[in-house]
Amino acid sequence: MYELVVGINIGIFILLALSLNVITGYAGQPSMGHAAFFGIGAYIAAVMTSKMDLSFWLALPVAGIVAGIVGVLLGLISLRVRDDFLAVTTIGVNFVAVAIFHYTPYLGSSYGLAVNKPTLFGSELGNSGFFILVSVLIVLVCFLCMKIQSSWLGLALSGIRNNEEAAASLGIDVNKFKVVAFTIGTTIAGCTGAIYAHYMGFIYSTDFAFVTSISILSMIVIGGMGTIRGAVVGAILLGLMPEVFRFISDYRMLLYGGLLVLMMRFQPQGLLGENSYLWRKIALCFTKTDACMGQGKDGRMTDHGK
């Protein structure tokens, strides 16, 4: 049971890391308020199921759509600001969202909001059901990210990330693709928030505070920004860290901050980013293995030195 709970929490982190990776990793837009969209999805779904008595399976996509619409607004804002100014703007969005959650009586204010457990075929969805749901969503989001990477959209986002002016000179509609990246990333975060709210059964405004945004950003920076494997590995590592190092859990943010500084100083590509030291070593091992297998199949050399 304990392993299942940890697996669900890490799965939620993986979805959040993948969603931010679309905005910051693919499009190069520094978003430091991603938890706001996570919270918007959580509260929208919680209100629909617990106050309007609607189905969780209806609330799940609606939460993603509403978060995506707010993401479009942030994407439109990003057209006028960039780099550090955009990062500060997203921080402000996060604080505004938390303040709304915290001071709105309909949303439970500072007391939080109780959320009904969803049902499937008349039975309450348990930990096993949530684990399967999160796993399926991870597979779908990874498939979506792979499609983005191999499509014209991925090439356009990569061009915008490297140099907006150069991308625009090649005919890429920079404004449109920025908004598309924000829409996709925030929609995934909103759906993840809906799952989180119903899995926890109770949500507070502080669950979606700036600290959560920094945790999500740390995951993709440490894992390797701009890659699916980096986002997944980063989320697993930082998701497991509070469990493994529970005795220093009070200093978690200090640890995250230290790791971020070290990664940016010595390995800005992250652990498994493109051209990172560790990924080059792994790729080299696979290359050698393939070469040895190829030699063995040809029958020319199965033992080195002979």
C-alpha atoms as a PDB file:
ATOM      1  CA  MET A   1       0.000   0.000   0.000  1.00  0.00           C
ATOM      2  CA  TYR A   2       2.799   2.431   0.925  1.00  0.00           C
ATOM      3  CA  GLU A   3       4.591   1.741  -2.352  1.00  0.00           C
ATOM      4  CA  LEU A   4       1.331   2.352  -4.245  1.00  0.00           C
ATOM      5  CA  VAL A   5       0.821   5.746  -2.567  1.00  0.00           C
ATOM      6  CA  VAL A   6       4.403   6.776  -3.351  1.00  0.00           C
ATOM      7  CA  GLY A   7       3.915   5.573  -6.953  1.00  0.00           C
ATOM      8  CA  ILE A   8       0.771   7.716  -7.387  1.00  0.00           C
ATOM      9  CA  ASN A   9       2.503  10.803  -5.964  1.00  0.00           C
ATOM     10  CA  ILE A  10       5.486  10.311  -8.266  1.00  0.00           C
ATOM     11  CA  GLY A  11       3.116   9.745 -11.200  1.00  0.00           C
ATOM     12  CA  ILE A  12       1.444  13.106 -10.497  1.00  0.00           C
ATOM     13  CA  PHE A  13       4.887  14.733 -10.375  1.00  0.00           C
ATOM     14  CA  ILE A  14       5.788  13.116 -13.722  1.00  0.00           C
ATOM     15  CA  LEU A  15       2.651  14.562 -15.362  1.00  0.00           C
ATOM     16  CA  LEU A  16       3.425  18.015 -13.971  1.00  0.00           C
ATOM     17  CA  ALA A  17       7.057  17.839 -15.088  1.00  0.00           C
ATOM     18  CA  LEU A  18       6.032  16.743 -18.600  1.00  0.00           C
ATOM     19  CA  SER A  19       3.492  19.564 -18.821  1.00  0.00           C
ATOM     20  CA  LEU A  20       6.027  22.227 -17.795  1.00  0.00           C
ATOM     21  CA  ASN A  21       8.571  20.678 -20.152  1.00  0.00           C
ATOM     22  CA  VAL A  22       6.339  21.596 -23.111  1.00  0.00           C
ATOM     23  CA  ILE A  23       6.393  25.274 -22.088  1.00  0.00           C
ATOM     24  CA  THR A  24       9.909  25.702 -20.728  1.00  0.00           C
ATOM     25  CA  GLY A  25      11.782  22.790 -22.263  1.00  0.00           C
ATOM     26  CA  TYR A  26      10.383  22.841 -25.794  1.00  0.00           C
ATOM     27  CA  ALA A  27       9.411  26.505 -26.260  1.00  0.00           C
ATOM     28  CA  GLY A  28      12.010  28.026 -23.906  1.00  0.00           C
ATOM     29  CA  GLN A  29       9.441  30.103 -22.025  1.00  0.00           C
ATOM     30  CA  PRO A  30      10.530  30.462 -18.361  1.00  0.00           C
ATOM     31  CA  SER A  31       7.397  29.678 -16.377  1.00  0.00           C
ATOM     32  CA  MET A  32       7.830  29.778 -12.586  1.00  0.00           C
ATOM     33  CA  GLY A  33       4.153  29.718 -11.654  1.00  0.00           C
ATOM     34  CA  HIS A  34       3.071  26.371 -13.073  1.00  0.00           C
ATOM     35  CA  ALA A  35       1.429  25.302  -9.801  1.00  0.00           C
ATOM     36  CA  ALA A  36      -1.273  27.932 -10.449  1.00  0.00           C
ATOM     37  CA  PHE A  37      -2.669  25.853 -13.334  1.00  0.00           C
ATOM     38  CA  PHE A  38      -2.329  22.700 -11.267  1.00  0.00           C
ATOM     39  CA  GLY A  39      -4.455  24.442  -8.625  1.00  0.00           C
ATOM     40  CA  ILE A  40      -6.994  25.804 -11.108  1.00  0.00           C
ATOM     41  CA  GLY A  41      -7.643  22.294 -12.393  1.00  0.00           C
ATOM     42  CA  ALA A  42      -7.880  20.943  -8.844  1.00  0.00           C
ATOM     43  CA  TYR A  43     -10.394  23.555  -7.648  1.00  0.00           C
ATOM     44  CA  ILE A  44     -12.505  23.463 -10.836  1.00  0.00           C
ATOM     45  CA  ALA A  45     -12.851  19.679 -10.598  1.00  0.00           C
ATOM     46  CA  ALA A  46     -13.447  19.794  -6.831  1.00  0.00           C
ATOM     47  CA  VAL A  47     -16.250  22.343  -7.192  1.00  0.00           C
ATOM     48  CA  MET A  48     -17.885  20.367 -10.007  1.00  0.00           C
ATOM     49  CA  THR A  49     -17.927  17.086  -8.109  1.00  0.00           C
ATOM     50  CA  SER A  50     -18.362  18.201  -4.494  1.00  0.00           C
ATOM     51  CA  LYS A  51     -20.586  21.273  -4.864  1.00  0.00           C
ATOM     52  CA  MET A  52     -22.403  20.617  -8.154  1.00  0.00           C
ATOM     53  CA  ASP A  53     -22.544  16.842  -7.728  1.00  0.00           C
ATOM     54  CA  LEU A  54     -21.246  16.193 -11.244  1.00  0.00           C
ATOM     55  CA  SER A  55     -19.207  13.188 -12.343  1.00  0.00           C
ATOM     56  CA  PHE A  56     -15.428  13.143 -11.900  1.00  0.00           C
ATOM     57  CA  TRP A  57     -15.099  11.813 -15.442  1.00  0.00           C
ATOM     58  CA  LEU A  58     -16.784  14.989 -16.709  1.00  0.00           C
ATOM     59  CA  ALA A  59     -14.845  17.245 -14.330  1.00  0.00           C
ATOM     60  CA  LEU A  60     -11.471  15.799 -15.438  1.00  0.00           C
ATOM     61  CA  PRO A  61     -11.499  17.170 -19.020  1.00  0.00           C
ATOM     62  CA  VAL A  62     -13.328  20.363 -18.014  1.00  0.00           C
ATOM     63  CA  ALA A  63     -10.597  21.124 -15.453  1.00  0.00           C
ATOM     64  CA  GLY A  64      -8.001  20.720 -18.190  1.00  0.00           C
ATOM     65  CA  ILE A  65      -9.950  22.948 -20.600  1.00  0.00           C
ATOM     66  CA  VAL A  66     -10.410  25.752 -18.045  1.00  0.00           C
ATOM     67  CA  ALA A  67      -6.725  25.630 -17.066  1.00  0.00           C
ATOM     68  CA  GLY A  68      -5.862  25.651 -20.776  1.00  0.00           C
ATOM     69  CA  ILE A  69      -8.020  28.768 -21.360  1.00  0.00           C
ATOM     70  CA  VAL A  70      -6.192  30.560 -18.532  1.00  0.00           C
ATOM     71  CA  GLY A  71      -2.973  29.288 -20.110  1.00  0.00           C
ATOM     72  CA  VAL A  72      -3.957  30.962 -23.383  1.00  0.00           C
ATOM     73  CA  LEU A  73      -4.260  34.272 -21.506  1.00  0.00           C
ATOM     74  CA  LEU A  74      -0.802  33.773 -20.008  1.00  0.00           C
ATOM     75  CA  GLY A  75       0.476  32.853 -23.463  1.00  0.00           C
ATOM     76  CA  LEU A  76      -0.889  36.127 -24.817  1.00  0.00           C
ATOM     77  CA  ILE A  77       0.878  37.965 -21.992  1.00  0.00           C
ATOM     78  CA  SER A  78       4.107  36.181 -22.886  1.00  0.00           C
ATOM     79  CA  LEU A  79       3.994  37.809 -26.320  1.00  0.00           C
ATOM     80  CA  ARG A  80       4.829  41.150 -24.742  1.00  0.00           C
ATOM     81  CA  VAL A  81       7.393  40.039 -22.161  1.00  0.00           C
ATOM     82  CA  ARG A  82      10.215  37.530 -22.263  1.00  0.00           C
ATOM     83  CA  ASP A  83      13.030  35.980 -20.251  1.00  0.00           C
ATOM     84  CA  ASP A  84      13.271  37.356 -16.700  1.00  0.00           C
ATOM     85  CA  PHE A  85      10.171  39.523 -17.067  1.00  0.00           C
ATOM     86  CA  LEU A  86       8.083  36.527 -18.130  1.00  0.00           C
ATOM     87  CA  ALA A  87       9.395  34.525 -15.169  1.00  0.00           C
ATOM     88  CA  VAL A  88       8.375  37.310 -12.776  1.00  0.00           C
ATOM     89  CA  THR A  89       4.960  37.549 -14.458  1.00  0.00           C
ATOM     90  CA  THR A  90       4.299  33.836 -13.995  1.00  0.00           C
ATOM     91  CA  ILE A  91       5.320  34.108 -10.330  1.00  0.00           C
ATOM     92  CA  GLY A  92       2.736  36.853  -9.970  1.00  0.00           C
ATOM     93  CA  VAL A  93       0.088  34.643 -11.606  1.00  0.00           C
ATOM     94  CA  ASN A  94       0.883  31.923  -9.067  1.00  0.00           C
ATOM     95  CA  PHE A  95       0.483  34.315  -6.114  1.00  0.00           C
ATOM     96  CA  VAL A  96      -2.788  35.712  -7.472  1.00  0.00           C
ATOM     97  CA  ALA A  97      -4.215  32.210  -7.980  1.00  0.00           C
ATOM     98  CA  VAL A  98      -3.259  31.127  -4.442  1.00  0.00           C
ATOM     99  CA  ALA A  99      -4.761  34.323  -3.009  1.00  0.00           C
ATOM    100  CA  ILE A 100      -8.050  33.619  -4.805  1.00  0.00           C
ATOM    101  CA  PHE A 101      -8.096  30.053  -3.461  1.00  0.00           C
ATOM    102  CA  HIS A 102      -7.219  31.284   0.024  1.00  0.00           C
ATOM    103  CA  TYR A 103      -9.707  34.146   0.387  1.00  0.00           C
ATOM    104  CA  THR A 104     -12.753  32.861  -1.503  1.00  0.00           C
ATOM    105  CA  PRO A 105     -15.316  31.393   0.934  1.00  0.00           C
ATOM    106  CA  TYR A 106     -16.945  29.321  -1.820  1.00  0.00           C
ATOM    107  CA  LEU A 107     -13.587  27.551  -2.309  1.00  0.00           C
ATOM    108  CA  GLY A 108     -13.205  26.866   1.397  1.00  0.00           C
ATOM    109  CA  SER A 109     -10.880  29.816   2.070  1.00  0.00           C
ATOM    110  CA  SER A 110      -7.999  28.931   4.368  1.00  0.00           C
ATOM    111  CA  TYR A 111      -9.905  25.917   5.752  1.00  0.00           C
ATOM    112  CA  GLY A 112      -9.518  24.022   2.499  1.00  0.00           C
ATOM    113  CA  LEU A 113     -12.088  22.151   0.440  1.00  0.00           C
ATOM    114  CA  ALA A 114     -13.258  18.583   0.935  1.00  0.00           C
ATOM    115  CA  VAL A 115     -13.473  16.575  -2.289  1.00  0.00           C
ATOM    116  CA  ASN A 116     -15.632  13.519  -2.911  1.00  0.00           C
ATOM    117  CA  LYS A 117     -13.921  10.356  -4.042  1.00  0.00           C
ATOM    118  CA  PRO A 118     -14.775   9.464  -7.662  1.00  0.00           C
ATOM    119  CA  THR A 119     -16.605   6.286  -8.554  1.00  0.00           C
ATOM    120  CA  LEU A 120     -16.258   3.891 -11.467  1.00  0.00           C
ATOM    121  CA  PHE A 121     -19.029   1.395 -12.282  1.00  0.00           C
ATOM    122  CA  GLY A 122     -20.608   2.117  -8.901  1.00  0.00           C
ATOM    123  CA  SER A 123     -17.444   1.475  -6.854  1.00  0.00           C
ATOM    124  CA  GLU A 124     -15.257   4.104  -5.255  1.00  0.00           C
ATOM    125  CA  LEU A 125     -11.934   4.559  -7.028  1.00  0.00           C
ATOM    126  CA  GLY A 126      -9.194   3.284  -4.711  1.00  0.00           C
ATOM    127  CA  ASN A 127      -5.426   3.580  -4.778  1.00  0.00           C
ATOM    128  CA  SER A 128      -5.108   0.866  -7.424  1.00  0.00           C
ATOM    129  CA  GLY A 129      -7.605   2.681  -9.640  1.00  0.00           C
ATOM    130  CA  PHE A 130      -5.773   6.000  -9.250  1.00  0.00           C
ATOM    131  CA  PHE A 131      -2.449   4.310 -10.001  1.00  0.00           C
ATOM    132  CA  ILE A 132      -3.847   2.858 -13.241  1.00  0.00           C
ATOM    133  CA  LEU A 133      -5.425   6.200 -14.174  1.00  0.00           C
ATOM    134  CA  VAL A 134      -2.175   8.106 -13.583  1.00  0.00           C
ATOM    135  CA  SER A 135      -0.161   5.467 -15.481  1.00  0.00           C
ATOM    136  CA  VAL A 136      -2.489   5.656 -18.485  1.00  0.00           C
ATOM    137  CA  LEU A 137      -2.268   9.446 -18.519  1.00  0.00           C
ATOM    138  CA  ILE A 138       1.535   9.317 -18.339  1.00  0.00           C
ATOM    139  CA  VAL A 139       1.615   7.023 -21.371  1.00  0.00           C
ATOM    140  CA  LEU A 140      -0.766   9.313 -23.290  1.00  0.00           C
ATOM    141  CA  VAL A 141       1.176  12.474 -22.391  1.00  0.00           C
ATOM    142  CA  CYS A 142       4.509  10.836 -23.316  1.00  0.00           C
ATOM    143  CA  PHE A 143       2.991   9.783 -26.654  1.00  0.00           C
ATOM    144  CA  LEU A 144       1.765  13.359 -27.195  1.00  0.00           C
ATOM    145  CA  CYS A 145       5.220  14.760 -26.362  1.00  0.00           C
ATOM    146  CA  MET A 146       6.870  12.322 -28.791  1.00  0.00           C
ATOM    147  CA  LYS A 147       4.464  13.426 -31.506  1.00  0.00           C
ATOM    148  CA  ILE A 148       5.246  17.080 -30.750  1.00  0.00           C
ATOM    149  CA  GLN A 149       9.001  16.437 -30.923  1.00  0.00           C
ATOM    150  CA  SER A 150       8.761  14.746 -34.307  1.00  0.00           C
ATOM    151  CA  SER A 151       6.352  17.231 -35.847  1.00  0.00           C
ATOM    152  CA  TRP A 152       6.542  20.674 -37.386  1.00  0.00           C
ATOM    153  CA  LEU A 153       5.285  22.045 -34.056  1.00  0.00           C
ATOM    154  CA  GLY A 154       8.326  20.605 -32.264  1.00  0.00           C
ATOM    155  CA  LEU A 155      10.720  22.048 -34.828  1.00  0.00           C
ATOM    156  CA  ALA A 156       9.055  25.449 -34.563  1.00  0.00           C
ATOM    157  CA  LEU A 157       9.186  25.418 -30.746  1.00  0.00           C
ATOM    158  CA  SER A 158      12.842  24.384 -30.880  1.00  0.00           C
ATOM    159  CA  GLY A 159      13.589  27.292 -33.203  1.00  0.00           C
ATOM    160  CA  ILE A 160      11.776  29.723 -30.897  1.00  0.00           C
ATOM    161  CA  ARG A 161      13.695  28.364 -27.891  1.00  0.00           C
ATOM    162  CA  ASN A 162      17.058  28.857 -29.594  1.00  0.00           C
ATOM    163  CA  ASN A 163      16.461  32.234 -31.220  1.00  0.00           C
ATOM    164  CA  GLU A 164      13.088  33.919 -31.645  1.00  0.00           C
ATOM    165  CA  GLU A 165      14.297  36.446 -34.228  1.00  0.00           C
ATOM    166  CA  ALA A 166      15.922  33.769 -36.368  1.00  0.00           C
ATOM    167  CA  ALA A 167      12.792  31.599 -36.124  1.00  0.00           C
ATOM    168  CA  ALA A 168      10.595  34.523 -37.191  1.00  0.00           C
ATOM    169  CA  SER A 169      12.893  35.244 -40.140  1.00  0.00           C
ATOM    170  CA  LEU A 170      12.287  31.667 -41.343  1.00  0.00           C
ATOM    171  CA  GLY A 171       8.544  32.243 -41.435  1.00  0.00           C
ATOM    172  CA  ILE A 172       7.643  30.696 -38.084  1.00  0.00           C
ATOM    173  CA  ASP A 173       4.682  32.400 -36.421  1.00  0.00           C
ATOM    174  CA  VAL A 174       6.379  32.878 -33.037  1.00  0.00           C
ATOM    175  CA  ASN A 175       3.306  34.295 -31.280  1.00  0.00           C
ATOM    176  CA  LYS A 176       1.026  31.465 -32.348  1.00  0.00           C
ATOM    177  CA  PHE A 177       3.407  28.697 -31.321  1.00  0.00           C
ATOM    178  CA  LYS A 178       4.104  30.303 -27.933  1.00  0.00           C
ATOM    179  CA  VAL A 179       0.386  30.339 -27.178  1.00  0.00           C
ATOM    180  CA  VAL A 180       0.039  26.740 -28.379  1.00  0.00           C
ATOM    181  CA  ALA A 181       2.837  25.631 -26.013  1.00  0.00           C
ATOM    182  CA  PHE A 182       1.208  27.376 -23.039  1.00  0.00           C
ATOM    183  CA  THR A 183      -2.178  25.882 -23.938  1.00  0.00           C
ATOM    184  CA  ILE A 184      -0.881  22.297 -24.131  1.00  0.00           C
ATOM    185  CA  GLY A 185       1.219  22.537 -20.965  1.00  0.00           C
ATOM    186  CA  THR A 186      -1.441  24.180 -18.816  1.00  0.00           C
ATOM    187  CA  THR A 187      -4.179  21.820 -20.024  1.00  0.00           C
ATOM    188  CA  ILE A 188      -2.133  18.805 -18.886  1.00  0.00           C
ATOM    189  CA  ALA A 189      -1.449  20.530 -15.544  1.00  0.00           C
ATOM    190  CA  GLY A 190      -5.177  21.196 -15.088  1.00  0.00           C
ATOM    191  CA  CYS A 191      -6.091  17.548 -15.672  1.00  0.00           C
ATOM    192  CA  THR A 192      -3.362  16.529 -13.221  1.00  0.00           C
ATOM    193  CA  GLY A 193      -4.831  18.905 -10.637  1.00  0.00           C
ATOM    194  CA  ALA A 194      -8.241  17.229 -10.996  1.00  0.00           C
ATOM    195  CA  ILE A 195      -6.691  13.833 -10.273  1.00  0.00           C
ATOM    196  CA  TYR A 196      -4.687  15.202  -7.341  1.00  0.00           C
ATOM    197  CA  ALA A 197      -7.756  16.776  -5.695  1.00  0.00           C
ATOM    198  CA  HIS A 198      -9.813  13.609  -5.886  1.00  0.00           C
ATOM    199  CA  TYR A 199      -6.952  11.379  -4.856  1.00  0.00           C
ATOM    200  CA  MET A 200      -6.151  13.490  -1.766  1.00  0.00           C
ATOM    201  CA  GLY A 201      -9.823  14.050  -0.841  1.00  0.00           C
ATOM    202  CA  PHE A 202      -8.993  17.482   0.582  1.00  0.00           C
ATOM    203  CA  ILE A 203      -7.144  20.443  -0.929  1.00  0.00           C
ATOM    204  CA  TYR A 204      -5.629  23.597   0.551  1.00  0.00           C
ATOM    205  CA  SER A 205      -4.534  26.745  -1.232  1.00  0.00           C
ATOM    206  CA  THR A 206      -0.970  26.140  -0.026  1.00  0.00           C
ATOM    207  CA  ASP A 207      -0.844  22.872  -2.017  1.00  0.00           C
ATOM    208  CA  PHE A 208      -0.439  25.051  -5.129  1.00  0.00           C
ATOM    209  CA  ALA A 209       1.898  27.693  -3.765  1.00  0.00           C
ATOM    210  CA  PHE A 210       5.102  29.010  -5.311  1.00  0.00           C
ATOM    211  CA  VAL A 211       7.084  26.287  -3.528  1.00  0.00           C
ATOM    212  CA  THR A 212       5.287  23.678  -5.640  1.00  0.00           C
ATOM    213  CA  SER A 213       6.153  25.591  -8.819  1.00  0.00           C
ATOM    214  CA  ILE A 214       9.831  25.582  -7.857  1.00  0.00           C
ATOM    215  CA  SER A 215       9.673  21.837  -7.177  1.00  0.00           C
ATOM    216  CA  ILE A 216       8.248  21.174 -10.659  1.00  0.00           C
ATOM    217  CA  LEU A 217      10.850  23.423 -12.279  1.00  0.00           C
ATOM    218  CA  SER A 218      13.618  21.670 -10.323  1.00  0.00           C
ATOM    219  CA  MET A 219      12.475  18.309 -11.712  1.00  0.00           C
ATOM    220  CA  ILE A 220      12.927  19.263 -15.360  1.00  0.00           C
ATOM    221  CA  VAL A 221      16.151  21.208 -14.739  1.00  0.00           C
ATOM    222  CA  ILE A 222      17.789  18.348 -12.821  1.00  0.00           C
ATOM    223  CA  GLY A 223      16.469  15.639 -15.167  1.00  0.00           C
ATOM    224  CA  GLY A 224      17.249  17.473 -18.382  1.00  0.00           C
ATOM    225  CA  MET A 225      15.120  20.211 -19.907  1.00  0.00           C
ATOM    226  CA  GLY A 226      13.602  19.621 -23.322  1.00  0.00           C
ATOM    227  CA  THR A 227      13.568  15.813 -23.136  1.00  0.00           C
ATOM    228  CA  ILE A 228      10.868  13.363 -22.059  1.00  0.00           C
ATOM    229  CA  ARG A 229      13.376  11.117 -20.271  1.00  0.00           C
ATOM    230  CA  GLY A 230      14.761  14.105 -18.342  1.00  0.00           C
ATOM    231  CA  ALA A 231      11.333  15.184 -17.092  1.00  0.00           C
ATOM    232  CA  VAL A 232      10.422  11.628 -16.061  1.00  0.00           C
ATOM    233  CA  VAL A 233      13.750  10.891 -14.320  1.00  0.00           C
ATOM    234  CA  GLY A 234      13.794  14.290 -12.595  1.00  0.00           C
ATOM    235  CA  ALA A 235      10.276  13.763 -11.260  1.00  0.00           C
ATOM    236  CA  ILE A 236      11.148  10.277 -10.006  1.00  0.00           C
ATOM    237  CA  LEU A 237      14.341  11.463  -8.280  1.00  0.00           C
ATOM    238  CA  LEU A 238      12.789  14.470  -6.551  1.00  0.00           C
ATOM    239  CA  GLY A 239       9.606  12.524  -5.856  1.00  0.00           C
ATOM    240  CA  LEU A 240      11.566   9.824  -4.046  1.00  0.00           C
ATOM    241  CA  MET A 241      13.841  12.249  -2.216  1.00  0.00           C
ATOM    242  CA  PRO A 242      11.357  13.193   0.546  1.00  0.00           C
ATOM    243  CA  GLU A 243      10.775   9.471   1.204  1.00  0.00           C
ATOM    244  CA  VAL A 244      14.443   8.487   1.258  1.00  0.00           C
ATOM    245  CA  PHE A 245      15.643  11.572   3.153  1.00  0.00           C
ATOM    246  CA  ARG A 246      12.623  12.001   5.418  1.00  0.00           C
ATOM    247  CA  PHE A 247      14.861  13.031   8.312  1.00  0.00           C
ATOM    248  CA  ILE A 248      15.761  16.247   6.467  1.00  0.00           C
ATOM    249  CA  SER A 249      12.330  16.884   4.934  1.00  0.00           C
ATOM    250  CA  ASP A 250      12.142  20.292   6.662  1.00  0.00           C
ATOM    251  CA  TYR A 251      15.100  21.385   4.579  1.00  0.00           C
ATOM    252  CA  ARG A 252      13.720  20.072   1.278  1.00  0.00           C
ATOM    253  CA  MET A 253      13.599  23.428  -0.494  1.00  0.00           C
ATOM    254  CA  LEU A 254      17.119  24.214   0.667  1.00  0.00           C
ATOM    255  CA  LEU A 255      18.233  20.932  -0.876  1.00  0.00           C
ATOM    256  CA  TYR A 256      16.336  21.610  -4.116  1.00  0.00           C
ATOM    257  CA  GLY A 257      17.882  25.071  -4.341  1.00  0.00           C
ATOM    258  CA  GLY A 258      21.370  23.696  -3.782  1.00  0.00           C
ATOM    259  CA  LEU A 259      20.842  21.044  -6.457  1.00  0.00           C
ATOM    260  CA  LEU A 260      19.583  23.668  -8.910  1.00  0.00           C
ATOM    261  CA  VAL A 261      22.658  25.831  -8.342  1.00  0.00           C
ATOM    262  CA  LEU A 262      25.010  22.869  -8.762  1.00  0.00           C
ATOM    263  CA  MET A 263      23.269  21.666 -11.921  1.00  0.00           C
ATOM    264  CA  MET A 264      23.249  25.117 -13.515  1.00  0.00           C
ATOM    265  CA  ARG A 265      26.935  25.579 -12.661  1.00  0.00           C
ATOM    266  CA  PHE A 266      28.357  22.187 -13.602  1.00  0.00           C
ATOM    267  CA  GLN A 267      25.743  20.445 -15.780  1.00  0.00           C
ATOM    268  CA  PRO A 268      23.205  22.903 -17.240  1.00  0.00           C
ATOM    269  CA  GLN A 269      21.885  20.204 -19.605  1.00  0.00           C
ATOM    270  CA  GLY A 270      20.650  18.197 -16.594  1.00  0.00           C
ATOM    271  CA  LEU A 271      21.344  14.537 -15.880  1.00  0.00           C
ATOM    272  CA  LEU A 272      19.823  13.163 -19.090  1.00  0.00           C
ATOM    273  CA  GLY A 273      19.488  16.232 -21.308  1.00  0.00           C
ATOM    274  CA  GLU A 274      20.919  16.452 -24.808  1.00  0.00           C
ATOM    275  CA  ASN A 275      24.741  16.431 -24.698  1.00  0.00           C
ATOM    276  CA  SER A 276      24.798  15.939 -20.921  1.00  0.00           C
ATOM    277  CA  TYR A 277      27.750  13.990 -19.531  1.00  0.00           C
ATOM    278  CA  LEU A 278      25.679  11.061 -18.257  1.00  0.00           C
ATOM    279  CA  TRP A 279      23.582  10.774 -21.432  1.00  0.00           C
ATOM    280  CA  ARG A 280      26.722  10.793 -23.621  1.00  0.00           C
ATOM    281  CA  LYS A 281      28.124   7.913 -21.542  1.00  0.00           C
ATOM    282  CA  ILE A 282      24.877   5.935 -21.817  1.00  0.00           C
ATOM    283  CA  ALA A 283      24.669   6.558 -25.575  1.00  0.00           C
ATOM    284  CA  LEU A 284      28.309   5.449 -25.947  1.00  0.00           C
ATOM    285  CA  CYS A 285      27.586   2.177 -24.096  1.00  0.00           C
ATOM    286  CA  PHE A 286      24.654   1.430 -26.411  1.00  0.00           C
ATOM    287  CA  THR A 287      26.797   2.242 -29.453  1.00  0.00           C
ATOM    288  CA  LYS A 288      29.521  -0.174 -28.326  1.00  0.00           C
ATOM    289  CA  THR A 289      26.962  -2.879 -27.564  1.00  0.00           C
ATOM    290  CA  ASP A 290      25.367  -2.503 -30.998  1.00  0.00           C
ATOM    291  CA  ALA A 291      28.803  -2.624 -32.646  1.00  0.00           C
ATOM    292  CA  CYS A 292      29.753  -5.845 -30.784  1.00  0.00           C
ATOM    293  CA  MET A 293      26.414  -7.462 -31.668  1.00  0.00           C
ATOM    294  CA  GLY A 294      26.878  -6.489 -35.305  1.00  0.00           C
ATOM    295  CA  GLN A 295      30.333  -8.056 -35.394  1.00  0.00           C
ATOM    296  CA  GLY A 296      29.010 -11.226 -33.767  1.00  0.00           C
ATOM    297  CA  LYS A 297      26.204 -11.597 -36.294  1.00  0.00           C
ATOM    298  CA  ASP A 298      28.620 -11.208 -39.194  1.00  0.00           C
ATOM    299  CA  GLY A 299      30.769 -13.968 -37.737  1.00  0.00           C
ATOM    300  CA  ARG A 300      33.907 -11.957 -38.256  1.00  0.00           C
ATOM    301  CA  MET A 301      34.828 -11.275 -34.677  1.00  0.00           C
ATOM    302  CA  THR A 302      33.051 -12.652 -31.617  1.00  0.00           C
ATOM    303  CA  ASP A 303      36.026 -12.438 -29.294  1.00  0.00           C
ATOM    304  CA  HIS A 304      38.147  -9.318 -29.032  1.00  0.00           C
ATOM    305  CA  GLY A 305      41.801  -9.796 -29.997  1.00  0.00           C
ATOM    306  CA  LYS A 306      41.152 -12.749 -32.294  1.00  0.00           C
END
